[in-house]
Amino acid sequence: PTEAGTYPVYERFFTTTMSGINPDGTPYSDPDIPWVSYFNGGD
């Protein structure tokens, strides 16, 4: 889930690659994700 609460944006990218682990344990890597503003951990 996206954690409820209020958070400040701490990092930004015009475009970036997002990677991690899916709930089923398989890895993912999504390139060229645009207009990214991180505000809480990996959210």
ModelCIF file with pLDDT and N, C-alpha, C, O atoms, coordinates in Angstrom:
data_MODEL
#
_entry.id   MODEL 
#
_entity.id                         1 
_entity.type                       polymer 
_entity.pdbx_number_of_molecules   1 
#
_entity_poly.entity_id                      1 
_entity_poly.type                           'polypeptide(L)' 
_entity_poly.nstd_linkage                   no 
_entity_poly.nstd_monomer                   no 
_entity_poly.pdbx_seq_one_letter_code       PTEAGTYPVYERFFTTTMSGINPDGTPYSDPDIPWVSYFNGGD 
_entity_poly.pdbx_seq_one_letter_code_can   PTEAGTYPVYERFFTTTMSGINPDGTPYSDPDIPWVSYFNGGD 
_entity_poly.pdbx_strand_id                 A 
#
loop_
_entity_poly_seq.entity_id 
_entity_poly_seq.num 
_entity_poly_seq.mon_id 
_entity_poly_seq.hetero 
1 1  PRO n 
1 2  THR n 
1 3  GLU n 
1 4  ALA n 
1 5  GLY n 
1 6  THR n 
1 7  TYR n 
1 8  PRO n 
1 9  VAL n 
1 10 TYR n 
1 11 GLU n 
1 12 ARG n 
1 13 PHE n 
1 14 PHE n 
1 15 THR n 
1 16 THR n 
1 17 THR n 
1 18 MET n 
1 19 SER n 
1 20 GLY n 
1 21 ILE n 
1 22 ASN n 
1 23 PRO n 
1 24 ASP n 
1 25 GLY n 
1 26 THR n 
1 27 PRO n 
1 28 TYR n 
1 29 SER n 
1 30 ASP n 
1 31 PRO n 
1 32 ASP n 
1 33 ILE n 
1 34 PRO n 
1 35 TRP n 
1 36 VAL n 
1 37 SER n 
1 38 TYR n 
1 39 PHE n 
1 40 ASN n 
1 41 GLY n 
1 42 GLY n 
1 43 ASP n 
#
_struct_asym.id          A 
_struct_asym.entity_id   1 
#
loop_
_ma_qa_metric.id 
_ma_qa_metric.mode 
_ma_qa_metric.name 
_ma_qa_metric.software_group_id 
_ma_qa_metric.type 
1 global pLDDT . pLDDT 
2 local  pLDDT . pLDDT 
#
_ma_qa_metric_global.metric_id      1 
_ma_qa_metric_global.metric_value   96.14 
_ma_qa_metric_global.model_id       1 
_ma_qa_metric_global.ordinal_id     1 
#
loop_
_ma_qa_metric_local.label_asym_id 
_ma_qa_metric_local.label_comp_id 
_ma_qa_metric_local.label_seq_id 
_ma_qa_metric_local.metric_id 
_ma_qa_metric_local.metric_value 
_ma_qa_metric_local.model_id 
_ma_qa_metric_local.ordinal_id 
A PRO 1  2 97.00 1 1  
A THR 2  2 98.00 1 2  
A GLU 3  2 98.00 1 3  
A ALA 4  2 98.00 1 4  
A GLY 5  2 98.00 1 5  
A THR 6  2 98.00 1 6  
A TYR 7  2 98.00 1 7  
A PRO 8  2 98.00 1 8  
A VAL 9  2 98.00 1 9  
A TYR 10 2 98.00 1 10 
A GLU 11 2 98.00 1 11 
A ARG 12 2 98.00 1 12 
A PHE 13 2 98.00 1 13 
A PHE 14 2 98.00 1 14 
A THR 15 2 98.00 1 15 
A THR 16 2 98.00 1 16 
A THR 17 2 97.00 1 17 
A MET 18 2 96.00 1 18 
A SER 19 2 93.00 1 19 
A GLY 20 2 90.00 1 20 
A ILE 21 2 91.00 1 21 
A ASN 22 2 92.00 1 22 
A PRO 23 2 90.00 1 23 
A ASP 24 2 90.00 1 24 
A GLY 25 2 91.00 1 25 
A THR 26 2 95.00 1 26 
A PRO 27 2 94.00 1 27 
A TYR 28 2 93.00 1 28 
A SER 29 2 94.00 1 29 
A ASP 30 2 94.00 1 30 
A PRO 31 2 96.00 1 31 
A ASP 32 2 97.00 1 32 
A ILE 33 2 98.00 1 33 
A PRO 34 2 98.00 1 34 
A TRP 35 2 98.00 1 35 
A VAL 36 2 98.00 1 36 
A SER 37 2 98.00 1 37 
A TYR 38 2 98.00 1 38 
A PHE 39 2 98.00 1 39 
A ASN 40 2 98.00 1 40 
A GLY 41 2 96.00 1 41 
A GLY 42 2 96.00 1 42 
A ASP 43 2 98.00 1 43 
#
loop_
_atom_site.group_PDB 
_atom_site.id 
_atom_site.type_symbol 
_atom_site.label_atom_id 
_atom_site.label_alt_id 
_atom_site.label_comp_id 
_atom_site.label_asym_id 
_atom_site.label_entity_id 
_atom_site.label_seq_id 
_atom_site.pdbx_PDB_ins_code 
_atom_site.Cartn_x 
_atom_site.Cartn_y 
_atom_site.Cartn_z 
_atom_site.occupancy 
_atom_site.B_iso_or_equiv 
_atom_site.pdbx_formal_charge 
_atom_site.auth_seq_id 
_atom_site.auth_comp_id 
_atom_site.auth_asym_id 
_atom_site.auth_atom_id 
_atom_site.pdbx_PDB_model_num 
ATOM 1   N N  . PRO A 1 1  ? 0.813  -1.223  0.000   1.00 97.00 ? 1  PRO A N  1 
ATOM 2   C CA . PRO A 1 1  ? 0.000  0.000   0.000   1.00 97.00 ? 1  PRO A CA 1 
ATOM 3   C C  . PRO A 1 1  ? 0.843  1.268   0.000   1.00 97.00 ? 1  PRO A C  1 
ATOM 4   O O  . PRO A 1 1  ? 2.018  1.258   0.365   1.00 97.00 ? 1  PRO A O  1 
ATOM 5   N N  . THR A 1 2  ? 0.214  2.348   -0.416  1.00 98.00 ? 2  THR A N  1 
ATOM 6   C CA . THR A 1 2  ? 0.807  3.674   -0.272  1.00 98.00 ? 2  THR A CA 1 
ATOM 7   C C  . THR A 1 2  ? 0.504  4.137   1.144   1.00 98.00 ? 2  THR A C  1 
ATOM 8   O O  . THR A 1 2  ? -0.661 4.257   1.522   1.00 98.00 ? 2  THR A O  1 
ATOM 9   N N  . GLU A 1 3  ? 1.541  4.397   1.928   1.00 98.00 ? 3  GLU A N  1 
ATOM 10  C CA . GLU A 1 3  ? 1.352  4.698   3.349   1.00 98.00 ? 3  GLU A CA 1 
ATOM 11  C C  . GLU A 1 3  ? 0.683  6.057   3.536   1.00 98.00 ? 3  GLU A C  1 
ATOM 12  O O  . GLU A 1 3  ? 1.121  7.061   2.974   1.00 98.00 ? 3  GLU A O  1 
ATOM 13  N N  . ALA A 1 4  ? -0.386 6.073   4.336   1.00 98.00 ? 4  ALA A N  1 
ATOM 14  C CA . ALA A 1 4  ? -1.092 7.323   4.618   1.00 98.00 ? 4  ALA A CA 1 
ATOM 15  C C  . ALA A 1 4  ? -0.219 8.241   5.457   1.00 98.00 ? 4  ALA A C  1 
ATOM 16  O O  . ALA A 1 4  ? 0.594  7.779   6.258   1.00 98.00 ? 4  ALA A O  1 
ATOM 17  N N  . GLY A 1 5  ? -0.391 9.551   5.267   1.00 98.00 ? 5  GLY A N  1 
ATOM 18  C CA . GLY A 1 5  ? 0.363  10.537  6.032   1.00 98.00 ? 5  GLY A CA 1 
ATOM 19  C C  . GLY A 1 5  ? 0.736  11.707  5.153   1.00 98.00 ? 5  GLY A C  1 
ATOM 20  O O  . GLY A 1 5  ? 0.332  11.784  3.993   1.00 98.00 ? 5  GLY A O  1 
ATOM 21  N N  . THR A 1 6  ? 1.517  12.627  5.718   1.00 98.00 ? 6  THR A N  1 
ATOM 22  C CA . THR A 1 6  ? 1.995  13.796  4.986   1.00 98.00 ? 6  THR A CA 1 
ATOM 23  C C  . THR A 1 6  ? 3.515  13.787  4.987   1.00 98.00 ? 6  THR A C  1 
ATOM 24  O O  . THR A 1 6  ? 4.152  13.636  6.030   1.00 98.00 ? 6  THR A O  1 
ATOM 25  N N  . TYR A 1 7  ? 4.091  13.954  3.782   1.00 98.00 ? 7  TYR A N  1 
ATOM 26  C CA . TYR A 1 7  ? 5.531  13.808  3.612   1.00 98.00 ? 7  TYR A CA 1 
ATOM 27  C C  . TYR A 1 7  ? 6.073  14.893  2.679   1.00 98.00 ? 7  TYR A C  1 
ATOM 28  O O  . TYR A 1 7  ? 5.373  15.316  1.760   1.00 98.00 ? 7  TYR A O  1 
ATOM 29  N N  . PRO A 1 8  ? 7.310  15.350  2.903   1.00 98.00 ? 8  PRO A N  1 
ATOM 30  C CA . PRO A 1 8  ? 7.921  16.309  1.979   1.00 98.00 ? 8  PRO A CA 1 
ATOM 31  C C  . PRO A 1 8  ? 8.636  15.606  0.821   1.00 98.00 ? 8  PRO A C  1 
ATOM 32  O O  . PRO A 1 8  ? 9.290  14.581  1.018   1.00 98.00 ? 8  PRO A O  1 
ATOM 33  N N  . VAL A 1 9  ? 8.509  16.154  -0.366  1.00 98.00 ? 9  VAL A N  1 
ATOM 34  C CA . VAL A 1 9  ? 9.276  15.654  -1.505  1.00 98.00 ? 9  VAL A CA 1 
ATOM 35  C C  . VAL A 1 9  ? 10.761 15.810  -1.188  1.00 98.00 ? 9  VAL A C  1 
ATOM 36  O O  . VAL A 1 9  ? 11.200 16.872  -0.748  1.00 98.00 ? 9  VAL A O  1 
ATOM 37  N N  . TYR A 1 10 ? 11.534 14.739  -1.416  1.00 98.00 ? 10 TYR A N  1 
ATOM 38  C CA . TYR A 1 10 ? 12.953 14.790  -1.066  1.00 98.00 ? 10 TYR A CA 1 
ATOM 39  C C  . TYR A 1 10 ? 13.892 14.506  -2.235  1.00 98.00 ? 10 TYR A C  1 
ATOM 40  O O  . TYR A 1 10 ? 15.096 14.735  -2.123  1.00 98.00 ? 10 TYR A O  1 
ATOM 41  N N  . GLU A 1 11 ? 13.361 14.011  -3.359  1.00 98.00 ? 11 GLU A N  1 
ATOM 42  C CA . GLU A 1 11 ? 14.209 13.723  -4.519  1.00 98.00 ? 11 GLU A CA 1 
ATOM 43  C C  . GLU A 1 11 ? 13.345 13.746  -5.767  1.00 98.00 ? 11 GLU A C  1 
ATOM 44  O O  . GLU A 1 11 ? 12.184 13.338  -5.736  1.00 98.00 ? 11 GLU A O  1 
ATOM 45  N N  . ARG A 1 12 ? 13.920 14.229  -6.879  1.00 98.00 ? 12 ARG A N  1 
ATOM 46  C CA . ARG A 1 12 ? 13.136 14.389  -8.103  1.00 98.00 ? 12 ARG A CA 1 
ATOM 47  C C  . ARG A 1 12 ? 13.963 14.008  -9.324  1.00 98.00 ? 12 ARG A C  1 
ATOM 48  O O  . ARG A 1 12 ? 15.183 14.171  -9.342  1.00 98.00 ? 12 ARG A O  1 
ATOM 49  N N  . PHE A 1 13 ? 13.269 13.492  -10.353 1.00 98.00 ? 13 PHE A N  1 
ATOM 50  C CA . PHE A 1 13 ? 13.916 13.149  -11.613 1.00 98.00 ? 13 PHE A CA 1 
ATOM 51  C C  . PHE A 1 13 ? 12.961 13.477  -12.758 1.00 98.00 ? 13 PHE A C  1 
ATOM 52  O O  . PHE A 1 13 ? 11.760 13.224  -12.675 1.00 98.00 ? 13 PHE A O  1 
ATOM 53  N N  . PHE A 1 14 ? 13.517 14.042  -13.827 1.00 98.00 ? 14 PHE A N  1 
ATOM 54  C CA . PHE A 1 14 ? 12.699 14.194  -15.034 1.00 98.00 ? 14 PHE A CA 1 
ATOM 55  C C  . PHE A 1 14 ? 12.356 12.823  -15.597 1.00 98.00 ? 14 PHE A C  1 
ATOM 56  O O  . PHE A 1 14 ? 11.256 12.601  -16.104 1.00 98.00 ? 14 PHE A O  1 
ATOM 57  N N  . THR A 1 15 ? 13.310 11.913  -15.500 1.00 98.00 ? 15 THR A N  1 
ATOM 58  C CA . THR A 1 15 ? 13.070 10.526  -15.899 1.00 98.00 ? 15 THR A CA 1 
ATOM 59  C C  . THR A 1 15 ? 14.063 9.632   -15.152 1.00 98.00 ? 15 THR A C  1 
ATOM 60  O O  . THR A 1 15 ? 15.195 10.040  -14.891 1.00 98.00 ? 15 THR A O  1 
ATOM 61  N N  . THR A 1 16 ? 13.642 8.426   -14.814 1.00 98.00 ? 16 THR A N  1 
ATOM 62  C CA . THR A 1 16 ? 14.515 7.521   -14.079 1.00 98.00 ? 16 THR A CA 1 
ATOM 63  C C  . THR A 1 16 ? 14.061 6.080   -14.306 1.00 98.00 ? 16 THR A C  1 
ATOM 64  O O  . THR A 1 16 ? 12.984 5.827   -14.846 1.00 98.00 ? 16 THR A O  1 
ATOM 65  N N  . THR A 1 17 ? 14.902 5.154   -13.885 1.00 97.00 ? 17 THR A N  1 
ATOM 66  C CA . THR A 1 17 ? 14.545 3.737   -13.901 1.00 97.00 ? 17 THR A CA 1 
ATOM 67  C C  . THR A 1 17 ? 14.108 3.332   -12.504 1.00 97.00 ? 17 THR A C  1 
ATOM 68  O O  . THR A 1 17 ? 14.811 3.597   -11.529 1.00 97.00 ? 17 THR A O  1 
ATOM 69  N N  . MET A 1 18 ? 12.967 2.701   -12.402 1.00 96.00 ? 18 MET A N  1 
ATOM 70  C CA . MET A 1 18 ? 12.470 2.203   -11.120 1.00 96.00 ? 18 MET A CA 1 
ATOM 71  C C  . MET A 1 18 ? 12.593 0.685   -11.108 1.00 96.00 ? 18 MET A C  1 
ATOM 72  O O  . MET A 1 18 ? 12.142 0.007   -12.031 1.00 96.00 ? 18 MET A O  1 
ATOM 73  N N  . SER A 1 19 ? 13.211 0.159   -10.049 1.00 93.00 ? 19 SER A N  1 
ATOM 74  C CA . SER A 1 19 ? 13.403 -1.285  -9.962  1.00 93.00 ? 19 SER A CA 1 
ATOM 75  C C  . SER A 1 19 ? 13.124 -1.758  -8.550  1.00 93.00 ? 19 SER A C  1 
ATOM 76  O O  . SER A 1 19 ? 13.158 -0.975  -7.600  1.00 93.00 ? 19 SER A O  1 
ATOM 77  N N  . GLY A 1 20 ? 12.848 -3.040  -8.420  1.00 90.00 ? 20 GLY A N  1 
ATOM 78  C CA . GLY A 1 20 ? 12.548 -3.609  -7.114  1.00 90.00 ? 20 GLY A CA 1 
ATOM 79  C C  . GLY A 1 20 ? 12.065 -5.036  -7.256  1.00 90.00 ? 20 GLY A C  1 
ATOM 80  O O  . GLY A 1 20 ? 12.370 -5.718  -8.234  1.00 90.00 ? 20 GLY A O  1 
ATOM 81  N N  . ILE A 1 21 ? 11.309 -5.476  -6.271  1.00 91.00 ? 21 ILE A N  1 
ATOM 82  C CA . ILE A 1 21 ? 10.798 -6.848  -6.245  1.00 91.00 ? 21 ILE A CA 1 
ATOM 83  C C  . ILE A 1 21 ? 9.278  -6.826  -6.214  1.00 91.00 ? 21 ILE A C  1 
ATOM 84  O O  . ILE A 1 21 ? 8.679  -6.134  -5.391  1.00 91.00 ? 21 ILE A O  1 
ATOM 85  N N  . ASN A 1 22 ? 8.661  -7.574  -7.101  1.00 92.00 ? 22 ASN A N  1 
ATOM 86  C CA . ASN A 1 22 ? 7.211  -7.718  -7.112  1.00 92.00 ? 22 ASN A CA 1 
ATOM 87  C C  . ASN A 1 22 ? 6.742  -8.532  -5.908  1.00 92.00 ? 22 ASN A C  1 
ATOM 88  O O  . ASN A 1 22 ? 7.546  -9.236  -5.297  1.00 92.00 ? 22 ASN A O  1 
ATOM 89  N N  . PRO A 1 23 ? 5.462  -8.451  -5.554  1.00 90.00 ? 23 PRO A N  1 
ATOM 90  C CA . PRO A 1 23 ? 4.946  -9.245  -4.437  1.00 90.00 ? 23 PRO A CA 1 
ATOM 91  C C  . PRO A 1 23 ? 5.167  -10.751 -4.592  1.00 90.00 ? 23 PRO A C  1 
ATOM 92  O O  . PRO A 1 23 ? 5.260  -11.470 -3.597  1.00 90.00 ? 23 PRO A O  1 
ATOM 93  N N  . ASP A 1 24 ? 5.253  -11.231 -5.839  1.00 90.00 ? 24 ASP A N  1 
ATOM 94  C CA . ASP A 1 24 ? 5.473  -12.666 -6.048  1.00 90.00 ? 24 ASP A CA 1 
ATOM 95  C C  . ASP A 1 24 ? 6.953  -13.050 -5.999  1.00 90.00 ? 24 ASP A C  1 
ATOM 96  O O  . ASP A 1 24 ? 7.307  -14.207 -6.224  1.00 90.00 ? 24 ASP A O  1 
ATOM 97  N N  . GLY A 1 25 ? 7.819  -12.064 -5.701  1.00 91.00 ? 25 GLY A N  1 
ATOM 98  C CA . GLY A 1 25 ? 9.240  -12.348 -5.564  1.00 91.00 ? 25 GLY A CA 1 
ATOM 99  C C  . GLY A 1 25 ? 10.064 -12.139 -6.812  1.00 91.00 ? 25 GLY A C  1 
ATOM 100 O O  . GLY A 1 25 ? 11.290 -12.236 -6.752  1.00 91.00 ? 25 GLY A O  1 
ATOM 101 N N  . THR A 1 26 ? 9.437  -11.855 -7.944  1.00 95.00 ? 26 THR A N  1 
ATOM 102 C CA . THR A 1 26 ? 10.174 -11.621 -9.183  1.00 95.00 ? 26 THR A CA 1 
ATOM 103 C C  . THR A 1 26 ? 10.650 -10.176 -9.238  1.00 95.00 ? 26 THR A C  1 
ATOM 104 O O  . THR A 1 26 ? 9.971  -9.278  -8.740  1.00 95.00 ? 26 THR A O  1 
ATOM 105 N N  . PRO A 1 27 ? 11.812 -9.947  -9.841  1.00 94.00 ? 27 PRO A N  1 
ATOM 106 C CA . PRO A 1 27 ? 12.321 -8.575  -9.943  1.00 94.00 ? 27 PRO A CA 1 
ATOM 107 C C  . PRO A 1 27 ? 11.633 -7.808  -11.068 1.00 94.00 ? 27 PRO A C  1 
ATOM 108 O O  . PRO A 1 27 ? 11.126 -8.395  -12.024 1.00 94.00 ? 27 PRO A O  1 
ATOM 109 N N  . TYR A 1 28 ? 11.627 -6.503  -10.934 1.00 93.00 ? 28 TYR A N  1 
ATOM 110 C CA . TYR A 1 28 ? 11.149 -5.655  -12.030 1.00 93.00 ? 28 TYR A CA 1 
ATOM 111 C C  . TYR A 1 28 ? 12.117 -4.498  -12.208 1.00 93.00 ? 28 TYR A C  1 
ATOM 112 O O  . TYR A 1 28 ? 12.790 -4.079  -11.267 1.00 93.00 ? 28 TYR A O  1 
ATOM 113 N N  . SER A 1 29 ? 12.174 -3.995  -13.418 1.00 94.00 ? 29 SER A N  1 
ATOM 114 C CA . SER A 1 29 ? 12.981 -2.821  -13.731 1.00 94.00 ? 29 SER A CA 1 
ATOM 115 C C  . SER A 1 29 ? 12.279 -2.066  -14.851 1.00 94.00 ? 29 SER A C  1 
ATOM 116 O O  . SER A 1 29 ? 12.232 -2.525  -15.993 1.00 94.00 ? 29 SER A O  1 
ATOM 117 N N  . ASP A 1 30 ? 11.732 -0.896  -14.509 1.00 94.00 ? 30 ASP A N  1 
ATOM 118 C CA . ASP A 1 30 ? 10.964 -0.104  -15.461 1.00 94.00 ? 30 ASP A CA 1 
ATOM 119 C C  . ASP A 1 30 ? 11.770 1.144   -15.837 1.00 94.00 ? 30 ASP A C  1 
ATOM 120 O O  . ASP A 1 30 ? 11.914 2.052   -15.017 1.00 94.00 ? 30 ASP A O  1 
ATOM 121 N N  . PRO A 1 31 ? 12.296 1.200   -17.062 1.00 96.00 ? 31 PRO A N  1 
ATOM 122 C CA . PRO A 1 31 ? 13.094 2.363   -17.468 1.00 96.00 ? 31 PRO A CA 1 
ATOM 123 C C  . PRO A 1 31 ? 12.207 3.523   -17.917 1.00 96.00 ? 31 PRO A C  1 
ATOM 124 O O  . PRO A 1 31 ? 11.025 3.349   -18.213 1.00 96.00 ? 31 PRO A O  1 
ATOM 125 N N  . ASP A 1 32 ? 12.805 4.696   -17.959 1.00 97.00 ? 32 ASP A N  1 
ATOM 126 C CA . ASP A 1 32 ? 12.176 5.888   -18.543 1.00 97.00 ? 32 ASP A CA 1 
ATOM 127 C C  . ASP A 1 32 ? 10.858 6.269   -17.873 1.00 97.00 ? 32 ASP A C  1 
ATOM 128 O O  . ASP A 1 32 ? 9.918  6.692   -18.545 1.00 97.00 ? 32 ASP A O  1 
ATOM 129 N N  . ILE A 1 33 ? 10.789 6.118   -16.544 1.00 98.00 ? 33 ILE A N  1 
ATOM 130 C CA . ILE A 1 33 ? 9.609  6.597   -15.816 1.00 98.00 ? 33 ILE A CA 1 
ATOM 131 C C  . ILE A 1 33 ? 9.725  8.121   -15.699 1.00 98.00 ? 33 ILE A C  1 
ATOM 132 O O  . ILE A 1 33 ? 10.721 8.623   -15.180 1.00 98.00 ? 33 ILE A O  1 
ATOM 133 N N  . PRO A 1 34 ? 8.711  8.865   -16.178 1.00 98.00 ? 34 PRO A N  1 
ATOM 134 C CA . PRO A 1 34 ? 8.866  10.322  -16.238 1.00 98.00 ? 34 PRO A CA 1 
ATOM 135 C C  . PRO A 1 34 ? 8.247  11.067  -15.058 1.00 98.00 ? 34 PRO A C  1 
ATOM 136 O O  . PRO A 1 34 ? 7.354  10.569  -14.373 1.00 98.00 ? 34 PRO A O  1 
ATOM 137 N N  . TRP A 1 35 ? 8.767  12.295  -14.850 1.00 98.00 ? 35 TRP A N  1 
ATOM 138 C CA . TRP A 1 35 ? 8.177  13.272  -13.931 1.00 98.00 ? 35 TRP A CA 1 
ATOM 139 C C  . TRP A 1 35 ? 8.025  12.686  -12.518 1.00 98.00 ? 35 TRP A C  1 
ATOM 140 O O  . TRP A 1 35 ? 6.918  12.568  -11.992 1.00 98.00 ? 35 TRP A O  1 
ATOM 141 N N  . VAL A 1 36 ? 9.162  12.327  -11.925 1.00 98.00 ? 36 VAL A N  1 
ATOM 142 C CA . VAL A 1 36 ? 9.183  11.575  -10.666 1.00 98.00 ? 36 VAL A CA 1 
ATOM 143 C C  . VAL A 1 36 ? 9.522  12.489  -9.488  1.00 98.00 ? 36 VAL A C  1 
ATOM 144 O O  . VAL A 1 36 ? 10.529 13.197  -9.513  1.00 98.00 ? 36 VAL A O  1 
ATOM 145 N N  . SER A 1 37 ? 8.672  12.467  -8.455  1.00 98.00 ? 37 SER A N  1 
ATOM 146 C CA . SER A 1 37 ? 8.936  13.192  -7.206  1.00 98.00 ? 37 SER A CA 1 
ATOM 147 C C  . SER A 1 37 ? 8.767  12.210  -6.046  1.00 98.00 ? 37 SER A C  1 
ATOM 148 O O  . SER A 1 37 ? 7.646  11.841  -5.696  1.00 98.00 ? 37 SER A O  1 
ATOM 149 N N  . TYR A 1 38 ? 9.893  11.788  -5.450  1.00 98.00 ? 38 TYR A N  1 
ATOM 150 C CA . TYR A 1 38 ? 9.842  10.876  -4.311  1.00 98.00 ? 38 TYR A CA 1 
ATOM 151 C C  . TYR A 1 38 ? 9.459  11.646  -3.047  1.00 98.00 ? 38 TYR A C  1 
ATOM 152 O O  . TYR A 1 38 ? 9.975  12.732  -2.784  1.00 98.00 ? 38 TYR A O  1 
ATOM 153 N N  . PHE A 1 39 ? 8.530  11.052  -2.258  1.00 98.00 ? 39 PHE A N  1 
ATOM 154 C CA . PHE A 1 39 ? 8.090  11.746  -1.050  1.00 98.00 ? 39 PHE A CA 1 
ATOM 155 C C  . PHE A 1 39 ? 8.125  10.881  0.206   1.00 98.00 ? 39 PHE A C  1 
ATOM 156 O O  . PHE A 1 39 ? 8.112  11.424  1.311   1.00 98.00 ? 39 PHE A O  1 
ATOM 157 N N  . ASN A 1 40 ? 8.171  9.560   0.077   1.00 98.00 ? 40 ASN A N  1 
ATOM 158 C CA . ASN A 1 40 ? 8.205  8.690   1.258   1.00 98.00 ? 40 ASN A CA 1 
ATOM 159 C C  . ASN A 1 40 ? 8.865  7.383   0.892   1.00 98.00 ? 40 ASN A C  1 
ATOM 160 O O  . ASN A 1 40 ? 8.242  6.513   0.284   1.00 98.00 ? 40 ASN A O  1 
ATOM 161 N N  . GLY A 1 41 ? 10.152 7.236   1.268   1.00 96.00 ? 41 GLY A N  1 
ATOM 162 C CA . GLY A 1 41 ? 10.859 6.023   0.893   1.00 96.00 ? 41 GLY A CA 1 
ATOM 163 C C  . GLY A 1 41 ? 10.859 5.833   -0.609  1.00 96.00 ? 41 GLY A C  1 
ATOM 164 O O  . GLY A 1 41 ? 11.311 6.705   -1.350  1.00 96.00 ? 41 GLY A O  1 
ATOM 165 N N  . GLY A 1 42 ? 10.349 4.684   -1.065  1.00 96.00 ? 42 GLY A N  1 
ATOM 166 C CA . GLY A 1 42 ? 10.284 4.419   -2.488  1.00 96.00 ? 42 GLY A CA 1 
ATOM 167 C C  . GLY A 1 42 ? 8.998  4.881   -3.151  1.00 96.00 ? 42 GLY A C  1 
ATOM 168 O O  . GLY A 1 42 ? 8.794  4.635   -4.339  1.00 96.00 ? 42 GLY A O  1 
ATOM 169 N N  . ASP A 1 43 ? 8.127  5.547   -2.400  1.00 98.00 ? 43 ASP A N  1 
ATOM 170 C CA . ASP A 1 43 ? 6.865  6.050   -2.957  1.00 98.00 ? 43 ASP A CA 1 
ATOM 171 C C  . ASP A 1 43 ? 7.092  7.398   -3.634  1.00 98.00 ? 43 ASP A C  1 
ATOM 172 O O  . ASP A 1 43 ? 6.151  7.988   -4.165  1.00 98.00 ? 43 ASP A O  1 
#
